[in-house]
Amino acid sequence: MAYPIYALVLAAVAVYYIATRIASSISAYRFKRAHGCKPEHKLPQTERFLGLHLFLFQRKAFFNKTLIPIARERFAANGPTFSSVVLGQKLYNTVDPENIKAILATNFADFGLGKRLDTFGSLLGKGIFTSDGTAWEHSRVKIPARCQ
């Protein structure tokens, strides 16, 4: 008797997942088109759906204290900007100064922290690492021109 309820819940979760993925893809497409983004370079991964292998590799590197050398090798092999998938989340990795400048200064309003405040807010409070938008801009220290 409970079997149809489980099937219905599973179907609802699947529909929600597919709908959010489609909406996210459309939003990303529009953002890329509006900003003239070039096609992304994708980090070669054995599977890009969950990215479990990359997560486990990164976790091992973290505990072995080799994460930074591995990241340097990865950027050397794949260029200054590339995407990867870790635990089902698409991540963009960059060391390109122009991209970092756009994210932190010139196009700040186009980017956000996502759920960082929800995740780290209880630990860090509302500060520079968890604030977004006008709260983040207000927390930045303005350096007078004569000091630069």
N, C-alpha and C. Protein backbone atom coordinates (compact mmCIF):
# COMPACT_ATOMS: atom_id res chain seq x y z
N MET A 1 0.82 -1.18 0.00
CA MET A 1 0.00 0.00 0.00
C MET A 1 0.88 1.27 0.00
N ALA A 2 1.99 1.24 0.73
CA ALA A 2 2.87 2.40 0.81
C ALA A 2 3.76 2.52 -0.41
N TYR A 3 3.84 1.49 -1.22
CA TYR A 3 4.71 1.51 -2.39
C TYR A 3 4.39 2.66 -3.33
N PRO A 4 3.14 2.93 -3.69
CA PRO A 4 2.86 4.06 -4.59
C PRO A 4 3.29 5.40 -4.00
N ILE A 5 3.24 5.54 -2.67
CA ILE A 5 3.67 6.80 -2.06
C ILE A 5 5.17 6.99 -2.25
N TYR A 6 5.95 5.92 -2.06
CA TYR A 6 7.40 6.01 -2.28
C TYR A 6 7.71 6.35 -3.72
N ALA A 7 7.00 5.73 -4.63
CA ALA A 7 7.20 6.00 -6.06
C ALA A 7 6.85 7.44 -6.38
N LEU A 8 5.77 7.94 -5.79
CA LEU A 8 5.37 9.32 -6.02
C LEU A 8 6.40 10.30 -5.47
N VAL A 9 6.92 10.03 -4.28
CA VAL A 9 7.95 10.89 -3.68
C VAL A 9 9.22 10.85 -4.53
N LEU A 10 9.61 9.68 -4.96
CA LEU A 10 10.80 9.55 -5.81
C LEU A 10 10.62 10.29 -7.13
N ALA A 11 9.45 10.18 -7.72
CA ALA A 11 9.16 10.89 -8.97
C ALA A 11 9.19 12.40 -8.74
N ALA A 12 8.64 12.86 -7.62
CA ALA A 12 8.64 14.29 -7.32
C ALA A 12 10.06 14.81 -7.14
N VAL A 13 10.90 14.05 -6.45
CA VAL A 13 12.29 14.44 -6.26
C VAL A 13 13.02 14.49 -7.61
N ALA A 14 12.77 13.51 -8.45
CA ALA A 14 13.40 13.48 -9.77
C ALA A 14 12.96 14.67 -10.62
N VAL A 15 11.68 14.98 -10.61
CA VAL A 15 11.18 16.12 -11.38
C VAL A 15 11.78 17.42 -10.85
N TYR A 16 11.84 17.57 -9.53
CA TYR A 16 12.43 18.76 -8.94
C TYR A 16 13.90 18.89 -9.35
N TYR A 17 14.64 17.80 -9.27
CA TYR A 17 16.06 17.81 -9.63
C TYR A 17 16.24 18.21 -11.09
N ILE A 18 15.47 17.60 -11.97
CA ILE A 18 15.58 17.90 -13.41
C ILE A 18 15.20 19.35 -13.67
N ALA A 19 14.13 19.83 -13.04
CA ALA A 19 13.69 21.21 -13.26
C ALA A 19 14.73 22.21 -12.78
N THR A 20 15.34 21.96 -11.62
CA THR A 20 16.36 22.89 -11.13
C THR A 20 17.60 22.86 -12.00
N ARG A 21 17.96 21.69 -12.52
CA ARG A 21 19.12 21.61 -13.43
C ARG A 21 18.85 22.37 -14.72
N ILE A 22 17.64 22.25 -15.25
CA ILE A 22 17.29 22.97 -16.48
C ILE A 22 17.30 24.47 -16.23
N ALA A 23 16.69 24.91 -15.13
CA ALA A 23 16.66 26.34 -14.80
C ALA A 23 18.07 26.88 -14.60
N SER A 24 18.92 26.12 -13.94
CA SER A 24 20.30 26.52 -13.72
C SER A 24 21.06 26.63 -15.04
N SER A 25 20.84 25.68 -15.93
CA SER A 25 21.50 25.71 -17.24
C SER A 25 21.07 26.92 -18.05
N ILE A 26 19.77 27.23 -18.03
CA ILE A 26 19.27 28.39 -18.76
C ILE A 26 19.85 29.68 -18.19
N SER A 27 19.91 29.77 -16.86
CA SER A 27 20.47 30.95 -16.21
C SER A 27 21.96 31.11 -16.56
N ALA A 28 22.70 30.03 -16.52
CA ALA A 28 24.13 30.08 -16.86
C ALA A 28 24.32 30.47 -18.32
N TYR A 29 23.49 29.94 -19.20
CA TYR A 29 23.58 30.28 -20.63
C TYR A 29 23.36 31.77 -20.84
N ARG A 30 22.33 32.32 -20.20
CA ARG A 30 22.03 33.74 -20.34
C ARG A 30 23.15 34.60 -19.78
N PHE A 31 23.71 34.20 -18.64
CA PHE A 31 24.82 34.95 -18.04
C PHE A 31 26.02 34.95 -18.97
N LYS A 32 26.36 33.78 -19.50
CA LYS A 32 27.51 33.68 -20.40
C LYS A 32 27.32 34.52 -21.66
N ARG A 33 26.11 34.49 -22.20
CA ARG A 33 25.81 35.26 -23.41
C ARG A 33 25.88 36.75 -23.11
N ALA A 34 25.34 37.19 -21.99
CA ALA A 34 25.32 38.61 -21.63
C ALA A 34 26.72 39.16 -21.38
N HIS A 35 27.63 38.31 -20.89
CA HIS A 35 28.97 38.76 -20.55
C HIS A 35 30.03 38.38 -21.59
N GLY A 36 29.60 37.77 -22.68
CA GLY A 36 30.54 37.41 -23.75
C GLY A 36 31.56 36.37 -23.33
N CYS A 37 31.15 35.42 -22.50
CA CYS A 37 32.07 34.40 -22.02
C CYS A 37 32.44 33.42 -23.13
N LYS A 38 33.69 33.03 -23.13
CA LYS A 38 34.16 32.01 -24.07
C LYS A 38 33.72 30.64 -23.56
N PRO A 39 33.72 29.63 -24.44
CA PRO A 39 33.38 28.28 -23.96
C PRO A 39 34.38 27.86 -22.88
N GLU A 40 33.86 27.22 -21.86
CA GLU A 40 34.70 26.84 -20.73
C GLU A 40 35.56 25.62 -21.06
N HIS A 41 36.73 25.61 -20.45
CA HIS A 41 37.56 24.42 -20.52
C HIS A 41 37.13 23.52 -19.36
N LYS A 42 36.87 22.27 -19.64
CA LYS A 42 36.42 21.34 -18.61
C LYS A 42 37.59 20.48 -18.15
N LEU A 43 37.75 20.39 -16.85
CA LEU A 43 38.77 19.52 -16.28
C LEU A 43 38.46 18.09 -16.69
N PRO A 44 39.43 17.37 -17.25
CA PRO A 44 39.16 15.97 -17.60
C PRO A 44 38.85 15.16 -16.34
N GLN A 45 37.65 14.59 -16.31
CA GLN A 45 37.22 13.78 -15.18
C GLN A 45 36.66 12.47 -15.71
N THR A 46 36.78 11.42 -14.89
CA THR A 46 36.24 10.13 -15.32
C THR A 46 34.73 10.17 -15.42
N GLU A 47 34.07 10.94 -14.55
CA GLU A 47 32.63 11.16 -14.65
C GLU A 47 32.32 12.55 -14.13
N ARG A 48 31.44 13.25 -14.83
CA ARG A 48 31.11 14.63 -14.48
C ARG A 48 29.71 14.77 -13.91
N PHE A 49 29.04 13.68 -13.56
CA PHE A 49 27.70 13.77 -13.01
C PHE A 49 27.77 14.06 -11.51
N LEU A 50 28.46 13.23 -10.77
CA LEU A 50 28.64 13.44 -9.33
C LEU A 50 30.01 14.01 -8.98
N GLY A 51 31.02 13.64 -9.73
CA GLY A 51 32.36 14.11 -9.41
C GLY A 51 32.90 13.50 -8.13
N LEU A 52 32.48 12.29 -7.83
CA LEU A 52 32.90 11.63 -6.60
C LEU A 52 34.40 11.31 -6.61
N HIS A 53 34.91 10.88 -7.75
CA HIS A 53 36.33 10.55 -7.85
C HIS A 53 37.19 11.77 -7.56
N LEU A 54 36.82 12.93 -8.12
CA LEU A 54 37.58 14.16 -7.87
C LEU A 54 37.49 14.56 -6.41
N PHE A 55 36.31 14.42 -5.81
CA PHE A 55 36.16 14.73 -4.38
C PHE A 55 37.08 13.88 -3.53
N LEU A 56 37.10 12.58 -3.79
CA LEU A 56 37.95 11.68 -3.01
C LEU A 56 39.43 11.98 -3.23
N PHE A 57 39.79 12.32 -4.47
CA PHE A 57 41.17 12.69 -4.78
C PHE A 57 41.56 13.96 -4.03
N GLN A 58 40.68 14.97 -4.04
CA GLN A 58 40.96 16.23 -3.35
C GLN A 58 41.05 16.00 -1.83
N ARG A 59 40.18 15.16 -1.32
CA ARG A 59 40.18 14.85 0.12
C ARG A 59 41.50 14.19 0.53
N LYS A 60 41.94 13.24 -0.28
CA LYS A 60 43.22 12.56 0.00
C LYS A 60 44.38 13.56 -0.06
N ALA A 61 44.36 14.44 -1.07
CA ALA A 61 45.42 15.44 -1.19
C ALA A 61 45.42 16.39 0.00
N PHE A 62 44.24 16.73 0.49
CA PHE A 62 44.14 17.61 1.66
C PHE A 62 44.79 16.95 2.87
N PHE A 63 44.45 15.71 3.12
CA PHE A 63 45.00 15.02 4.30
C PHE A 63 46.49 14.73 4.15
N ASN A 64 46.97 14.58 2.91
CA ASN A 64 48.39 14.36 2.66
C ASN A 64 49.18 15.67 2.56
N LYS A 65 48.46 16.80 2.70
CA LYS A 65 49.06 18.12 2.61
C LYS A 65 49.74 18.37 1.26
N THR A 66 49.10 17.89 0.19
CA THR A 66 49.62 18.09 -1.17
C THR A 66 48.62 18.84 -2.04
N LEU A 67 47.63 19.46 -1.43
CA LEU A 67 46.56 20.10 -2.19
C LEU A 67 47.07 21.26 -3.04
N ILE A 68 47.93 22.09 -2.49
CA ILE A 68 48.42 23.25 -3.24
C ILE A 68 49.32 22.84 -4.41
N PRO A 69 50.29 21.95 -4.23
CA PRO A 69 51.07 21.52 -5.39
C PRO A 69 50.21 20.87 -6.47
N ILE A 70 49.21 20.11 -6.07
CA ILE A 70 48.33 19.47 -7.05
C ILE A 70 47.52 20.54 -7.79
N ALA A 71 47.05 21.55 -7.06
CA ALA A 71 46.30 22.63 -7.71
C ALA A 71 47.18 23.37 -8.71
N ARG A 72 48.43 23.61 -8.36
CA ARG A 72 49.35 24.27 -9.30
C ARG A 72 49.54 23.44 -10.57
N GLU A 73 49.72 22.14 -10.39
CA GLU A 73 49.86 21.25 -11.55
C GLU A 73 48.59 21.27 -12.40
N ARG A 74 47.45 21.27 -11.73
CA ARG A 74 46.17 21.26 -12.45
C ARG A 74 46.00 22.53 -13.28
N PHE A 75 46.34 23.69 -12.71
CA PHE A 75 46.24 24.95 -13.46
C PHE A 75 47.27 24.99 -14.58
N ALA A 76 48.46 24.46 -14.35
CA ALA A 76 49.49 24.43 -15.40
C ALA A 76 49.03 23.57 -16.57
N ALA A 77 48.34 22.48 -16.28
CA ALA A 77 47.90 21.57 -17.34
C ALA A 77 46.62 22.02 -18.04
N ASN A 78 45.74 22.76 -17.33
CA ASN A 78 44.42 23.09 -17.87
C ASN A 78 44.19 24.56 -18.13
N GLY A 79 45.17 25.39 -17.86
CA GLY A 79 45.00 26.82 -18.10
C GLY A 79 44.51 27.54 -16.85
N PRO A 80 44.37 28.88 -16.96
CA PRO A 80 44.04 29.67 -15.78
C PRO A 80 42.58 29.57 -15.32
N THR A 81 41.70 29.05 -16.18
CA THR A 81 40.28 28.93 -15.80
C THR A 81 39.72 27.65 -16.37
N PHE A 82 39.04 26.87 -15.52
CA PHE A 82 38.41 25.64 -15.98
C PHE A 82 37.27 25.29 -15.03
N SER A 83 36.40 24.41 -15.49
CA SER A 83 35.29 23.96 -14.64
C SER A 83 35.53 22.52 -14.22
N SER A 84 34.91 22.16 -13.11
CA SER A 84 34.96 20.79 -12.63
C SER A 84 33.64 20.50 -11.92
N VAL A 85 33.40 19.23 -11.66
CA VAL A 85 32.20 18.83 -10.92
C VAL A 85 32.66 18.07 -9.69
N VAL A 86 32.18 18.52 -8.52
CA VAL A 86 32.51 17.88 -7.25
C VAL A 86 31.20 17.69 -6.48
N LEU A 87 30.91 16.45 -6.14
CA LEU A 87 29.69 16.10 -5.41
C LEU A 87 28.43 16.70 -6.06
N GLY A 88 28.39 16.63 -7.39
CA GLY A 88 27.23 17.08 -8.13
C GLY A 88 27.15 18.57 -8.37
N GLN A 89 28.10 19.34 -7.86
CA GLN A 89 28.12 20.78 -8.03
C GLN A 89 29.16 21.18 -9.06
N LYS A 90 28.76 22.00 -10.01
CA LYS A 90 29.71 22.50 -11.01
C LYS A 90 30.47 23.67 -10.40
N LEU A 91 31.78 23.59 -10.44
CA LEU A 91 32.64 24.62 -9.88
C LEU A 91 33.49 25.24 -10.97
N TYR A 92 33.71 26.53 -10.87
CA TYR A 92 34.62 27.21 -11.78
C TYR A 92 35.86 27.58 -10.98
N ASN A 93 37.01 27.21 -11.50
CA ASN A 93 38.29 27.46 -10.84
C ASN A 93 39.07 28.45 -11.69
N THR A 94 39.59 29.50 -11.07
CA THR A 94 40.35 30.48 -11.85
C THR A 94 41.48 31.09 -11.03
N VAL A 95 42.55 31.39 -11.71
CA VAL A 95 43.63 32.19 -11.16
C VAL A 95 43.91 33.36 -12.10
N ASP A 96 43.04 33.55 -13.08
CA ASP A 96 43.17 34.64 -14.05
C ASP A 96 42.89 35.97 -13.34
N PRO A 97 43.86 36.89 -13.32
CA PRO A 97 43.67 38.16 -12.61
C PRO A 97 42.45 38.95 -13.10
N GLU A 98 42.16 38.92 -14.39
CA GLU A 98 41.01 39.66 -14.91
C GLU A 98 39.69 39.06 -14.41
N ASN A 99 39.61 37.75 -14.34
CA ASN A 99 38.40 37.11 -13.80
C ASN A 99 38.22 37.45 -12.32
N ILE A 100 39.31 37.39 -11.57
CA ILE A 100 39.24 37.70 -10.14
C ILE A 100 38.86 39.16 -9.94
N LYS A 101 39.40 40.04 -10.76
CA LYS A 101 39.06 41.46 -10.68
C LYS A 101 37.57 41.67 -10.97
N ALA A 102 37.05 40.97 -11.97
CA ALA A 102 35.63 41.10 -12.31
C ALA A 102 34.75 40.60 -11.16
N ILE A 103 35.13 39.49 -10.56
CA ILE A 103 34.33 38.91 -9.47
C ILE A 103 34.35 39.80 -8.23
N LEU A 104 35.51 40.33 -7.89
CA LEU A 104 35.66 41.07 -6.63
C LEU A 104 35.47 42.58 -6.74
N ALA A 105 35.53 43.12 -7.97
CA ALA A 105 35.48 44.58 -8.06
C ALA A 105 34.55 45.08 -9.18
N THR A 106 34.94 44.90 -10.41
CA THR A 106 34.23 45.57 -11.51
C THR A 106 32.83 45.03 -11.77
N ASN A 107 32.61 43.74 -11.66
CA ASN A 107 31.28 43.14 -11.91
C ASN A 107 30.77 42.46 -10.65
N PHE A 108 31.05 43.03 -9.51
CA PHE A 108 30.72 42.40 -8.24
C PHE A 108 29.24 42.05 -8.13
N ALA A 109 28.36 42.90 -8.61
CA ALA A 109 26.91 42.68 -8.48
C ALA A 109 26.44 41.46 -9.27
N ASP A 110 27.22 41.00 -10.25
CA ASP A 110 26.83 39.86 -11.08
C ASP A 110 27.13 38.52 -10.42
N PHE A 111 27.87 38.53 -9.33
CA PHE A 111 28.28 37.28 -8.68
C PHE A 111 27.78 37.28 -7.24
N GLY A 112 27.63 36.10 -6.68
CA GLY A 112 27.18 35.99 -5.31
C GLY A 112 27.86 34.85 -4.60
N LEU A 113 27.65 34.78 -3.31
CA LEU A 113 28.26 33.73 -2.49
C LEU A 113 27.38 32.50 -2.39
N GLY A 114 26.19 32.55 -2.92
CA GLY A 114 25.30 31.40 -2.82
C GLY A 114 24.81 31.22 -1.40
N LYS A 115 24.96 30.03 -0.88
CA LYS A 115 24.45 29.70 0.46
C LYS A 115 25.54 29.75 1.52
N ARG A 116 26.58 30.53 1.28
CA ARG A 116 27.69 30.57 2.23
C ARG A 116 27.26 31.10 3.60
N LEU A 117 26.38 32.11 3.62
CA LEU A 117 25.93 32.63 4.92
C LEU A 117 25.14 31.57 5.68
N ASP A 118 24.29 30.81 4.97
CA ASP A 118 23.54 29.74 5.62
C ASP A 118 24.48 28.67 6.16
N THR A 119 25.54 28.38 5.41
CA THR A 119 26.47 27.32 5.79
C THR A 119 27.42 27.74 6.90
N PHE A 120 28.05 28.89 6.73
CA PHE A 120 29.09 29.32 7.67
C PHE A 120 28.67 30.44 8.61
N GLY A 121 27.44 30.94 8.46
CA GLY A 121 26.99 32.08 9.26
C GLY A 121 27.06 31.84 10.75
N SER A 122 26.66 30.66 11.20
CA SER A 122 26.70 30.40 12.64
C SER A 122 28.13 30.33 13.16
N LEU A 123 29.07 29.99 12.31
CA LEU A 123 30.47 29.91 12.71
C LEU A 123 31.17 31.27 12.61
N LEU A 124 30.98 31.95 11.47
CA LEU A 124 31.71 33.18 11.21
C LEU A 124 30.92 34.45 11.44
N GLY A 125 29.59 34.35 11.56
CA GLY A 125 28.76 35.54 11.70
C GLY A 125 28.68 36.28 10.38
N LYS A 126 28.15 37.49 10.42
CA LYS A 126 28.06 38.31 9.21
C LYS A 126 29.33 39.14 9.09
N GLY A 127 30.21 38.71 8.25
CA GLY A 127 31.48 39.41 8.06
C GLY A 127 31.87 39.36 6.60
N ILE A 128 33.11 39.66 6.31
CA ILE A 128 33.58 39.76 4.94
C ILE A 128 33.53 38.42 4.20
N PHE A 129 33.62 37.30 4.94
CA PHE A 129 33.61 35.99 4.29
C PHE A 129 32.21 35.44 4.06
N THR A 130 31.21 36.02 4.71
CA THR A 130 29.85 35.51 4.57
C THR A 130 28.88 36.55 4.04
N SER A 131 29.30 37.80 3.92
CA SER A 131 28.41 38.86 3.44
C SER A 131 28.42 38.91 1.93
N ASP A 132 27.32 39.46 1.40
CA ASP A 132 27.17 39.58 -0.03
C ASP A 132 26.52 40.92 -0.33
N GLY A 133 26.65 41.38 -1.55
CA GLY A 133 25.96 42.59 -1.99
C GLY A 133 26.41 43.83 -1.25
N THR A 134 25.43 44.65 -0.85
CA THR A 134 25.75 45.93 -0.20
C THR A 134 26.42 45.73 1.16
N ALA A 135 26.07 44.65 1.87
CA ALA A 135 26.71 44.39 3.16
C ALA A 135 28.21 44.15 2.97
N TRP A 136 28.57 43.43 1.91
CA TRP A 136 29.99 43.17 1.64
C TRP A 136 30.68 44.46 1.23
N GLU A 137 30.05 45.22 0.37
CA GLU A 137 30.66 46.48 -0.07
C GLU A 137 30.89 47.41 1.12
N HIS A 138 29.93 47.45 2.05
CA HIS A 138 30.05 48.31 3.23
C HIS A 138 31.20 47.85 4.13
N SER A 139 31.46 46.53 4.17
CA SER A 139 32.49 46.01 5.06
C SER A 139 33.91 46.20 4.51
N ARG A 140 34.01 46.53 3.23
CA ARG A 140 35.33 46.74 2.64
C ARG A 140 35.92 48.05 3.14
N VAL A 141 37.20 48.05 3.37
CA VAL A 141 37.90 49.25 3.81
C VAL A 141 38.31 50.04 2.58
N LYS A 142 37.93 51.29 2.55
CA LYS A 142 38.32 52.16 1.44
C LYS A 142 39.68 52.78 1.76
N ILE A 143 40.65 52.54 0.89
CA ILE A 143 41.99 53.08 1.09
C ILE A 143 42.08 54.41 0.36
N PRO A 144 42.46 55.47 1.06
CA PRO A 144 42.59 56.78 0.39
C PRO A 144 43.63 56.70 -0.73
N ALA A 145 43.41 57.48 -1.77
CA ALA A 145 44.29 57.45 -2.96
C ALA A 145 45.75 57.72 -2.59
N ARG A 146 45.98 58.58 -1.60
CA ARG A 146 47.36 58.92 -1.23
C ARG A 146 48.10 57.75 -0.60
N CYS A 147 47.38 56.72 -0.12
CA CYS A 147 48.00 55.58 0.55
C CYS A 147 48.32 54.44 -0.42
N GLN A 148 47.81 54.53 -1.62
CA GLN A 148 47.99 53.40 -2.55
C GLN A 148 49.33 53.47 -3.23
